[in-house]
């Protein structure tokens, strides 16, 4: 019953997790364009009028066979070797999209680092610390959550490392 109430109120597991943790955040909704599938993060940055370095995308990779979350600016790419090194691994590759969706509980383009079905090791690119607040998916396409980078790191149990490349 509680799950239905959250859904009816427009909540997502990400917003529920942020609320339960008592962190300050702001939700930003925009109209998602299904034709923007190749660049969901860039679509969000444009819609929000935000610096693309401040809007972060959530990527799921496999490091030595274990699913791992990487959070990097939408204006950058994930450096797989750097991600592997950040978690003490040797090899990293992008995860199968179906496995990422099944494990996180979110659909591609709406995967949030917050409130995932299964808590995965998470690494946030160190560039996020240079901003007062950052944006990450709030759990569905067209909805972003703005929060302090330190709160993002604390709520996900993440480590920070330079895992993005331009």
N, C-alpha and C. Protein backbone atom coordinates (compact mmCIF):
# COMPACT_ATOMS: atom_id res chain seq x y z
N UNK A 1 0.82 -1.19 0.00
CA UNK A 1 0.00 0.00 0.00
C UNK A 1 0.86 1.25 0.00
N UNK A 2 1.91 1.27 0.80
CA UNK A 2 2.79 2.44 0.83
C UNK A 2 3.40 2.69 -0.54
N UNK A 3 3.73 1.60 -1.26
CA UNK A 3 4.32 1.74 -2.60
C UNK A 3 3.34 2.47 -3.52
N UNK A 4 2.06 2.13 -3.47
CA UNK A 4 1.05 2.79 -4.30
C UNK A 4 0.93 4.26 -3.94
N UNK A 5 1.00 4.57 -2.66
CA UNK A 5 0.90 5.96 -2.24
C UNK A 5 2.08 6.77 -2.79
N UNK A 6 3.29 6.20 -2.74
CA UNK A 6 4.45 6.92 -3.28
C UNK A 6 4.28 7.13 -4.77
N UNK A 7 3.82 6.10 -5.48
CA UNK A 7 3.65 6.23 -6.92
C UNK A 7 2.60 7.28 -7.24
N UNK A 8 1.53 7.29 -6.48
CA UNK A 8 0.47 8.26 -6.72
C UNK A 8 0.96 9.68 -6.46
N UNK A 9 1.85 9.82 -5.52
CA UNK A 9 2.37 11.15 -5.20
C UNK A 9 3.49 11.57 -6.14
N UNK A 10 3.86 10.70 -7.09
CA UNK A 10 4.92 11.04 -8.03
C UNK A 10 6.31 10.74 -7.53
N UNK A 11 6.40 10.06 -6.39
CA UNK A 11 7.71 9.73 -5.84
C UNK A 11 8.37 8.61 -6.61
N UNK A 12 9.67 8.59 -6.55
CA UNK A 12 10.45 7.50 -7.14
C UNK A 12 11.32 6.94 -6.01
N UNK A 13 11.89 5.77 -6.19
CA UNK A 13 12.80 5.27 -5.14
C UNK A 13 13.92 6.28 -4.83
N UNK A 14 14.36 7.03 -5.83
CA UNK A 14 15.42 8.02 -5.61
C UNK A 14 14.95 9.15 -4.69
N UNK A 15 13.76 9.67 -4.95
CA UNK A 15 13.26 10.77 -4.11
C UNK A 15 12.90 10.28 -2.72
N UNK A 16 12.40 9.05 -2.63
CA UNK A 16 12.10 8.47 -1.33
C UNK A 16 13.40 8.31 -0.52
N UNK A 17 14.46 7.83 -1.16
CA UNK A 17 15.74 7.66 -0.46
C UNK A 17 16.29 9.00 0.02
N UNK A 18 16.19 10.02 -0.82
CA UNK A 18 16.70 11.35 -0.43
C UNK A 18 15.87 11.93 0.72
N UNK A 19 14.56 11.74 0.65
CA UNK A 19 13.69 12.24 1.71
C UNK A 19 13.97 11.53 3.03
N UNK A 20 14.08 10.22 2.97
CA UNK A 20 14.36 9.44 4.19
C UNK A 20 15.69 9.82 4.81
N UNK A 21 16.67 10.16 3.97
CA UNK A 21 17.99 10.53 4.48
C UNK A 21 18.00 11.95 5.05
N UNK A 22 16.94 12.69 4.79
CA UNK A 22 16.85 14.05 5.33
C UNK A 22 17.75 15.05 4.64
N UNK A 23 18.14 14.77 3.40
CA UNK A 23 19.01 15.71 2.70
C UNK A 23 18.19 16.76 1.96
N UNK A 24 18.79 17.90 1.74
CA UNK A 24 18.13 18.96 0.99
C UNK A 24 18.28 18.67 -0.50
N UNK A 25 17.17 18.74 -1.23
CA UNK A 25 17.22 18.54 -2.67
C UNK A 25 16.08 19.29 -3.33
N UNK A 26 16.23 19.50 -4.61
CA UNK A 26 15.19 20.13 -5.42
C UNK A 26 14.92 19.24 -6.62
N UNK A 27 13.66 19.01 -6.91
CA UNK A 27 13.29 18.24 -8.10
C UNK A 27 13.06 19.18 -9.26
N UNK A 28 13.49 18.76 -10.44
CA UNK A 28 13.31 19.52 -11.68
C UNK A 28 12.71 18.58 -12.72
N UNK A 29 11.51 18.91 -13.17
CA UNK A 29 10.86 18.11 -14.21
C UNK A 29 10.94 18.86 -15.53
N UNK A 30 11.05 18.10 -16.60
CA UNK A 30 11.03 18.67 -17.94
C UNK A 30 10.36 17.67 -18.86
N UNK A 31 9.93 18.13 -20.00
CA UNK A 31 9.27 17.24 -20.95
C UNK A 31 10.34 16.47 -21.71
N UNK A 32 10.34 15.17 -21.52
CA UNK A 32 11.32 14.31 -22.18
C UNK A 32 10.91 14.09 -23.64
N UNK A 33 11.89 14.19 -24.53
CA UNK A 33 11.67 13.93 -25.95
C UNK A 33 12.17 12.52 -26.25
N UNK A 34 11.28 11.58 -26.58
CA UNK A 34 11.71 10.21 -26.86
C UNK A 34 12.75 10.11 -27.97
N UNK A 35 12.82 11.10 -28.85
CA UNK A 35 13.81 11.09 -29.93
C UNK A 35 15.22 11.38 -29.41
N UNK A 36 15.35 11.78 -28.16
CA UNK A 36 16.65 12.14 -27.59
C UNK A 36 17.35 10.95 -26.95
N UNK A 37 16.94 9.74 -27.30
CA UNK A 37 17.45 8.54 -26.64
C UNK A 37 18.97 8.42 -26.64
N UNK A 38 19.64 8.94 -27.64
CA UNK A 38 21.09 8.81 -27.69
C UNK A 38 21.79 9.77 -26.73
N UNK A 39 21.07 10.77 -26.24
CA UNK A 39 21.73 11.78 -25.40
C UNK A 39 20.80 12.27 -24.30
N UNK A 40 20.33 11.34 -23.45
CA UNK A 40 19.42 11.72 -22.38
C UNK A 40 20.02 12.77 -21.47
N UNK A 41 21.28 12.63 -21.11
CA UNK A 41 21.92 13.58 -20.21
C UNK A 41 22.05 14.96 -20.81
N UNK A 42 22.42 15.01 -22.09
CA UNK A 42 22.53 16.31 -22.76
C UNK A 42 21.16 16.96 -22.89
N UNK A 43 20.13 16.15 -23.12
CA UNK A 43 18.77 16.67 -23.16
C UNK A 43 18.42 17.31 -21.82
N UNK A 44 18.76 16.65 -20.72
CA UNK A 44 18.48 17.18 -19.39
C UNK A 44 19.21 18.50 -19.16
N UNK A 45 20.48 18.57 -19.53
CA UNK A 45 21.25 19.81 -19.35
C UNK A 45 20.62 20.96 -20.12
N UNK A 46 20.23 20.70 -21.37
CA UNK A 46 19.58 21.75 -22.16
C UNK A 46 18.26 22.17 -21.53
N UNK A 47 17.44 21.21 -21.15
CA UNK A 47 16.13 21.50 -20.59
C UNK A 47 16.24 22.29 -19.28
N UNK A 48 17.27 22.00 -18.51
CA UNK A 48 17.47 22.68 -17.23
C UNK A 48 18.23 23.99 -17.36
N UNK A 49 18.84 24.21 -18.53
CA UNK A 49 19.67 25.39 -18.71
C UNK A 49 20.90 25.33 -17.81
N UNK A 50 21.40 24.12 -17.59
CA UNK A 50 22.51 23.92 -16.65
C UNK A 50 23.80 23.59 -17.39
N UNK A 51 24.91 23.91 -16.77
CA UNK A 51 26.24 23.55 -17.27
C UNK A 51 26.30 22.03 -17.38
N UNK A 52 26.63 21.48 -18.55
CA UNK A 52 26.68 20.02 -18.71
C UNK A 52 27.69 19.34 -17.78
N UNK A 53 28.63 20.08 -17.23
CA UNK A 53 29.55 19.50 -16.26
C UNK A 53 28.90 19.27 -14.91
N UNK A 54 27.79 19.94 -14.69
CA UNK A 54 27.07 19.87 -13.43
C UNK A 54 25.94 18.83 -13.47
N UNK A 55 25.59 18.41 -14.67
CA UNK A 55 24.55 17.40 -14.84
C UNK A 55 25.27 16.07 -15.02
N UNK A 56 24.97 15.13 -14.15
CA UNK A 56 25.70 13.87 -14.12
C UNK A 56 24.85 12.72 -14.64
N UNK A 57 25.49 11.83 -15.39
CA UNK A 57 24.80 10.63 -15.87
C UNK A 57 25.26 9.44 -15.05
N UNK A 58 24.36 8.50 -14.90
CA UNK A 58 24.62 7.29 -14.14
C UNK A 58 24.82 6.14 -15.12
N UNK A 59 25.98 5.55 -15.08
CA UNK A 59 26.32 4.44 -15.97
C UNK A 59 26.60 3.20 -15.14
N UNK A 60 26.22 2.06 -15.65
CA UNK A 60 26.49 0.80 -14.95
C UNK A 60 27.50 0.02 -15.78
N UNK A 61 28.57 -0.36 -15.13
CA UNK A 61 29.64 -1.11 -15.77
C UNK A 61 29.88 -2.40 -14.98
N UNK A 62 30.65 -3.28 -15.59
CA UNK A 62 31.11 -4.48 -14.90
C UNK A 62 32.60 -4.34 -14.66
N UNK A 63 33.01 -4.44 -13.42
CA UNK A 63 34.43 -4.42 -13.09
C UNK A 63 34.77 -5.80 -12.56
N UNK A 64 35.63 -6.48 -13.29
CA UNK A 64 36.01 -7.85 -12.95
C UNK A 64 34.76 -8.72 -12.70
N UNK A 65 33.72 -8.49 -13.50
CA UNK A 65 32.50 -9.27 -13.43
C UNK A 65 31.45 -8.77 -12.45
N UNK A 66 31.77 -7.76 -11.64
CA UNK A 66 30.82 -7.23 -10.66
C UNK A 66 30.24 -5.90 -11.15
N UNK A 67 28.92 -5.77 -11.07
CA UNK A 67 28.29 -4.52 -11.48
C UNK A 67 28.74 -3.38 -10.57
N UNK A 68 29.04 -2.25 -11.19
CA UNK A 68 29.54 -1.07 -10.50
C UNK A 68 28.92 0.16 -11.14
N UNK A 69 28.55 1.14 -10.34
CA UNK A 69 27.94 2.37 -10.84
C UNK A 69 29.00 3.45 -10.97
N UNK A 70 28.95 4.15 -12.11
CA UNK A 70 29.83 5.29 -12.35
C UNK A 70 28.95 6.51 -12.59
N UNK A 71 29.28 7.62 -11.95
CA UNK A 71 28.52 8.85 -12.10
C UNK A 71 29.48 9.91 -12.64
N UNK A 72 29.24 10.32 -13.89
CA UNK A 72 30.14 11.24 -14.58
C UNK A 72 29.35 12.36 -15.24
N UNK A 73 29.99 13.49 -15.53
CA UNK A 73 29.28 14.59 -16.21
C UNK A 73 28.77 14.14 -17.58
N UNK A 74 27.61 14.67 -17.98
CA UNK A 74 27.06 14.32 -19.29
C UNK A 74 27.96 14.82 -20.41
N UNK A 75 28.82 15.77 -20.13
CA UNK A 75 29.72 16.33 -21.14
C UNK A 75 30.98 15.48 -21.32
N UNK A 76 31.08 14.40 -20.58
CA UNK A 76 32.29 13.56 -20.61
C UNK A 76 31.93 12.10 -20.88
N UNK A 77 32.95 11.31 -21.08
CA UNK A 77 32.81 9.86 -21.23
C UNK A 77 33.40 9.19 -20.00
N UNK A 78 33.00 7.96 -19.78
CA UNK A 78 33.55 7.19 -18.68
C UNK A 78 34.88 6.58 -19.11
N UNK A 79 35.90 6.77 -18.30
CA UNK A 79 37.20 6.14 -18.52
C UNK A 79 37.16 4.80 -17.78
N UNK A 80 36.95 3.73 -18.54
CA UNK A 80 36.76 2.41 -17.92
C UNK A 80 37.95 1.95 -17.10
N UNK A 81 39.16 2.20 -17.59
CA UNK A 81 40.35 1.80 -16.82
C UNK A 81 40.42 2.56 -15.49
N UNK A 82 40.05 3.83 -15.51
CA UNK A 82 40.06 4.62 -14.28
C UNK A 82 39.01 4.12 -13.30
N UNK A 83 37.84 3.72 -13.83
CA UNK A 83 36.81 3.16 -12.96
C UNK A 83 37.30 1.88 -12.30
N UNK A 84 37.89 1.00 -13.10
CA UNK A 84 38.41 -0.25 -12.55
C UNK A 84 39.42 0.03 -11.45
N UNK A 85 40.34 0.95 -11.71
CA UNK A 85 41.35 1.28 -10.72
C UNK A 85 40.72 1.86 -9.45
N UNK A 86 39.68 2.66 -9.61
CA UNK A 86 39.03 3.31 -8.46
C UNK A 86 38.40 2.31 -7.50
N UNK A 87 38.01 1.14 -8.01
CA UNK A 87 37.40 0.13 -7.14
C UNK A 87 38.33 -1.06 -6.90
N UNK A 88 39.59 -0.90 -7.28
CA UNK A 88 40.58 -1.95 -7.04
C UNK A 88 40.47 -3.12 -8.00
N UNK A 89 39.90 -2.86 -9.18
CA UNK A 89 39.75 -3.92 -10.16
C UNK A 89 40.78 -3.81 -11.28
N UNK A 90 40.69 -4.77 -12.20
CA UNK A 90 41.62 -4.78 -13.32
C UNK A 90 40.95 -4.43 -14.64
N UNK A 91 39.76 -4.98 -14.86
CA UNK A 91 39.08 -4.77 -16.15
C UNK A 91 37.68 -4.24 -15.93
N UNK A 92 37.29 -3.32 -16.83
CA UNK A 92 35.93 -2.79 -16.77
C UNK A 92 35.36 -2.74 -18.18
N UNK A 93 34.07 -2.99 -18.27
CA UNK A 93 33.33 -2.89 -19.53
C UNK A 93 31.92 -2.44 -19.18
N UNK A 94 31.26 -1.84 -20.13
CA UNK A 94 29.88 -1.42 -19.88
C UNK A 94 29.02 -2.66 -19.64
N UNK A 95 28.09 -2.55 -18.72
CA UNK A 95 27.22 -3.67 -18.38
C UNK A 95 26.15 -3.85 -19.45
N UNK A 96 25.63 -5.04 -19.52
CA UNK A 96 24.49 -5.32 -20.39
C UNK A 96 23.33 -4.42 -19.92
N UNK A 97 22.69 -3.68 -20.84
CA UNK A 97 21.61 -2.78 -20.44
C UNK A 97 20.48 -3.47 -19.67
N UNK A 98 20.12 -4.67 -20.06
CA UNK A 98 19.06 -5.39 -19.36
C UNK A 98 19.48 -5.71 -17.92
N UNK A 99 20.74 -6.08 -17.73
CA UNK A 99 21.24 -6.37 -16.37
C UNK A 99 21.25 -5.09 -15.54
N UNK A 100 21.62 -3.97 -16.15
CA UNK A 100 21.63 -2.70 -15.44
C UNK A 100 20.22 -2.32 -14.99
N UNK A 101 19.26 -2.48 -15.88
CA UNK A 101 17.87 -2.14 -15.54
C UNK A 101 17.34 -3.07 -14.46
N UNK A 102 17.57 -4.35 -14.60
CA UNK A 102 17.07 -5.34 -13.65
C UNK A 102 17.67 -5.11 -12.26
N UNK A 103 18.96 -4.83 -12.20
CA UNK A 103 19.64 -4.68 -10.91
C UNK A 103 19.31 -3.37 -10.22
N UNK A 104 19.22 -2.28 -11.00
CA UNK A 104 18.96 -0.98 -10.39
C UNK A 104 17.47 -0.72 -10.14
N UNK A 105 16.62 -1.36 -10.95
CA UNK A 105 15.19 -1.10 -10.84
C UNK A 105 14.73 0.09 -11.67
N UNK A 106 15.61 0.63 -12.48
CA UNK A 106 15.31 1.79 -13.31
C UNK A 106 15.49 1.45 -14.79
N UNK A 107 14.88 2.26 -15.66
CA UNK A 107 15.07 2.08 -17.10
C UNK A 107 16.20 2.97 -17.59
N UNK A 108 16.86 2.53 -18.67
CA UNK A 108 17.94 3.34 -19.25
C UNK A 108 17.43 4.75 -19.54
N UNK A 109 18.29 5.70 -19.28
CA UNK A 109 17.89 7.10 -19.45
C UNK A 109 17.24 7.65 -18.21
N UNK A 110 16.94 6.79 -17.26
CA UNK A 110 16.33 7.20 -16.00
C UNK A 110 16.98 6.53 -14.81
N UNK A 111 18.15 5.89 -15.04
CA UNK A 111 18.83 5.23 -13.92
C UNK A 111 19.39 6.29 -12.99
N UNK A 112 19.00 6.20 -11.76
CA UNK A 112 19.48 7.12 -10.73
C UNK A 112 20.51 6.40 -9.87
N UNK A 113 21.50 7.13 -9.37
CA UNK A 113 22.42 6.50 -8.42
C UNK A 113 21.78 6.32 -7.05
N UNK A 114 20.63 6.96 -6.84
CA UNK A 114 19.93 6.93 -5.56
C UNK A 114 18.80 5.92 -5.57
N UNK A 115 18.59 5.23 -4.48
CA UNK A 115 17.44 4.37 -4.33
C UNK A 115 17.41 3.16 -5.25
N UNK A 116 18.55 2.66 -5.63
CA UNK A 116 18.59 1.50 -6.51
C UNK A 116 18.10 0.26 -5.78
N UNK A 117 17.53 -0.66 -6.55
CA UNK A 117 16.99 -1.90 -6.00
C UNK A 117 18.07 -2.67 -5.22
N UNK A 118 19.26 -2.73 -5.79
CA UNK A 118 20.39 -3.39 -5.13
C UNK A 118 21.52 -2.37 -5.04
N UNK A 119 22.04 -2.16 -3.85
CA UNK A 119 23.12 -1.18 -3.69
C UNK A 119 24.41 -1.73 -4.29
N UNK A 120 24.93 -0.99 -5.25
CA UNK A 120 26.14 -1.40 -5.96
C UNK A 120 27.29 -0.49 -5.58
N UNK A 121 28.53 -0.96 -5.70
CA UNK A 121 29.67 -0.06 -5.50
C UNK A 121 29.51 1.12 -6.47
N UNK A 122 29.75 2.31 -5.97
CA UNK A 122 29.52 3.52 -6.76
C UNK A 122 30.74 4.43 -6.69
N UNK A 123 31.08 5.00 -7.85
CA UNK A 123 32.17 5.97 -7.93
C UNK A 123 31.62 7.22 -8.60
N UNK A 124 31.78 8.36 -7.95
CA UNK A 124 31.37 9.65 -8.50
C UNK A 124 32.62 10.36 -8.98
N UNK A 125 32.56 10.87 -10.22
CA UNK A 125 33.73 11.60 -10.74
C UNK A 125 34.07 12.77 -9.82
N UNK A 126 35.34 12.93 -9.57
CA UNK A 126 35.80 13.96 -8.63
C UNK A 126 35.46 15.39 -9.07
N UNK A 127 35.16 15.60 -10.34
CA UNK A 127 34.80 16.95 -10.79
C UNK A 127 33.51 17.45 -10.15
N UNK A 128 32.66 16.55 -9.68
CA UNK A 128 31.39 16.96 -9.06
C UNK A 128 31.62 17.84 -7.84
N UNK A 129 32.72 17.62 -7.14
CA UNK A 129 33.01 18.40 -5.92
C UNK A 129 33.23 19.88 -6.22
N UNK A 130 33.45 20.23 -7.47
CA UNK A 130 33.68 21.62 -7.83
C UNK A 130 32.41 22.45 -7.94
N UNK A 131 31.26 21.85 -7.69
CA UNK A 131 29.98 22.55 -7.81
C UNK A 131 29.26 22.56 -6.47
N UNK A 132 28.49 23.60 -6.23
CA UNK A 132 27.68 23.67 -5.01
C UNK A 132 26.59 22.61 -5.01
N UNK A 133 25.98 22.41 -6.18
CA UNK A 133 24.99 21.36 -6.36
C UNK A 133 25.19 20.73 -7.73
N UNK A 134 24.72 19.50 -7.85
CA UNK A 134 24.77 18.77 -9.11
C UNK A 134 23.38 18.18 -9.36
N UNK A 135 23.16 17.75 -10.59
CA UNK A 135 21.90 17.12 -10.98
C UNK A 135 22.17 15.67 -11.35
N UNK A 136 21.32 14.77 -10.88
CA UNK A 136 21.33 13.37 -11.31
C UNK A 136 19.88 12.97 -11.58
N UNK A 137 19.72 11.89 -12.31
CA UNK A 137 18.37 11.42 -12.57
C UNK A 137 17.66 11.13 -11.26
N UNK A 138 16.39 11.47 -11.23
CA UNK A 138 15.58 11.20 -10.05
C UNK A 138 14.81 9.89 -10.21
N UNK A 139 15.15 9.11 -11.24
CA UNK A 139 14.55 7.80 -11.36
C UNK A 139 13.63 7.61 -12.54
N UNK A 140 13.47 8.64 -13.35
CA UNK A 140 12.73 8.49 -14.60
C UNK A 140 13.15 9.58 -15.56
N UNK A 141 12.98 9.29 -16.83
CA UNK A 141 13.33 10.27 -17.86
C UNK A 141 12.45 11.50 -17.66
N UNK A 142 13.10 12.67 -17.71
CA UNK A 142 12.37 13.92 -17.54
C UNK A 142 12.28 14.40 -16.11
N UNK A 143 13.00 13.77 -15.19
CA UNK A 143 12.98 14.19 -13.79
C UNK A 143 14.40 14.12 -13.24
N UNK A 144 14.89 15.25 -12.77
CA UNK A 144 16.24 15.34 -12.20
C UNK A 144 16.15 15.80 -10.76
N UNK A 145 17.08 15.33 -9.96
CA UNK A 145 17.18 15.76 -8.57
C UNK A 145 18.47 16.56 -8.42
N UNK A 146 18.37 17.72 -7.84
CA UNK A 146 19.52 18.60 -7.59
C UNK A 146 19.89 18.49 -6.12
N UNK A 147 21.15 18.20 -5.86
CA UNK A 147 21.61 18.04 -4.49
C UNK A 147 23.09 18.37 -4.39
N UNK A 148 23.57 18.52 -3.18
CA UNK A 148 24.99 18.78 -2.95
C UNK A 148 25.80 17.53 -3.29
N UNK A 149 26.96 17.70 -3.92
CA UNK A 149 27.80 16.53 -4.24
C UNK A 149 28.12 15.67 -3.02
N UNK A 150 28.36 16.31 -1.88
CA UNK A 150 28.68 15.55 -0.66
C UNK A 150 27.49 14.68 -0.25
N UNK A 151 26.28 15.17 -0.44
CA UNK A 151 25.09 14.38 -0.12
C UNK A 151 24.94 13.21 -1.08
N UNK A 152 25.26 13.44 -2.36
CA UNK A 152 25.22 12.36 -3.34
C UNK A 152 26.19 11.25 -2.94
N UNK A 153 27.39 11.63 -2.57
CA UNK A 153 28.41 10.66 -2.17
C UNK A 153 27.98 9.92 -0.91
N UNK A 154 27.47 10.66 0.06
CA UNK A 154 27.06 10.03 1.33
C UNK A 154 25.88 9.08 1.12
N UNK A 155 24.90 9.50 0.36
CA UNK A 155 23.69 8.70 0.19
C UNK A 155 23.94 7.43 -0.61
N UNK A 156 24.91 7.45 -1.52
CA UNK A 156 25.21 6.27 -2.32
C UNK A 156 26.35 5.44 -1.73
N UNK A 157 27.02 5.96 -0.72
CA UNK A 157 28.19 5.27 -0.17
C UNK A 157 29.33 5.26 -1.17
N UNK A 158 29.37 6.26 -2.03
CA UNK A 158 30.33 6.31 -3.13
C UNK A 158 31.73 6.71 -2.68
N UNK A 159 32.66 6.39 -3.55
CA UNK A 159 33.99 6.96 -3.47
C UNK A 159 34.07 7.98 -4.60
N UNK A 160 35.02 8.86 -4.53
CA UNK A 160 35.22 9.81 -5.63
C UNK A 160 36.60 9.56 -6.24
N UNK A 161 36.64 9.73 -7.55
CA UNK A 161 37.89 9.51 -8.28
C UNK A 161 37.74 10.17 -9.65
N UNK A 162 38.85 10.49 -10.28
CA UNK A 162 38.78 11.06 -11.64
C UNK A 162 38.50 9.94 -12.66
N UNK A 163 37.22 9.69 -12.93
CA UNK A 163 36.85 8.57 -13.81
C UNK A 163 36.26 9.06 -15.14
N UNK A 164 36.23 10.37 -15.36
CA UNK A 164 35.68 10.91 -16.60
C UNK A 164 36.80 11.38 -17.51
N UNK A 165 36.53 11.34 -18.81
CA UNK A 165 37.46 11.90 -19.77
C UNK A 165 36.65 12.72 -20.77
N UNK A 166 37.27 13.79 -21.23
CA UNK A 166 36.56 14.70 -22.15
C UNK A 166 36.45 14.11 -23.54
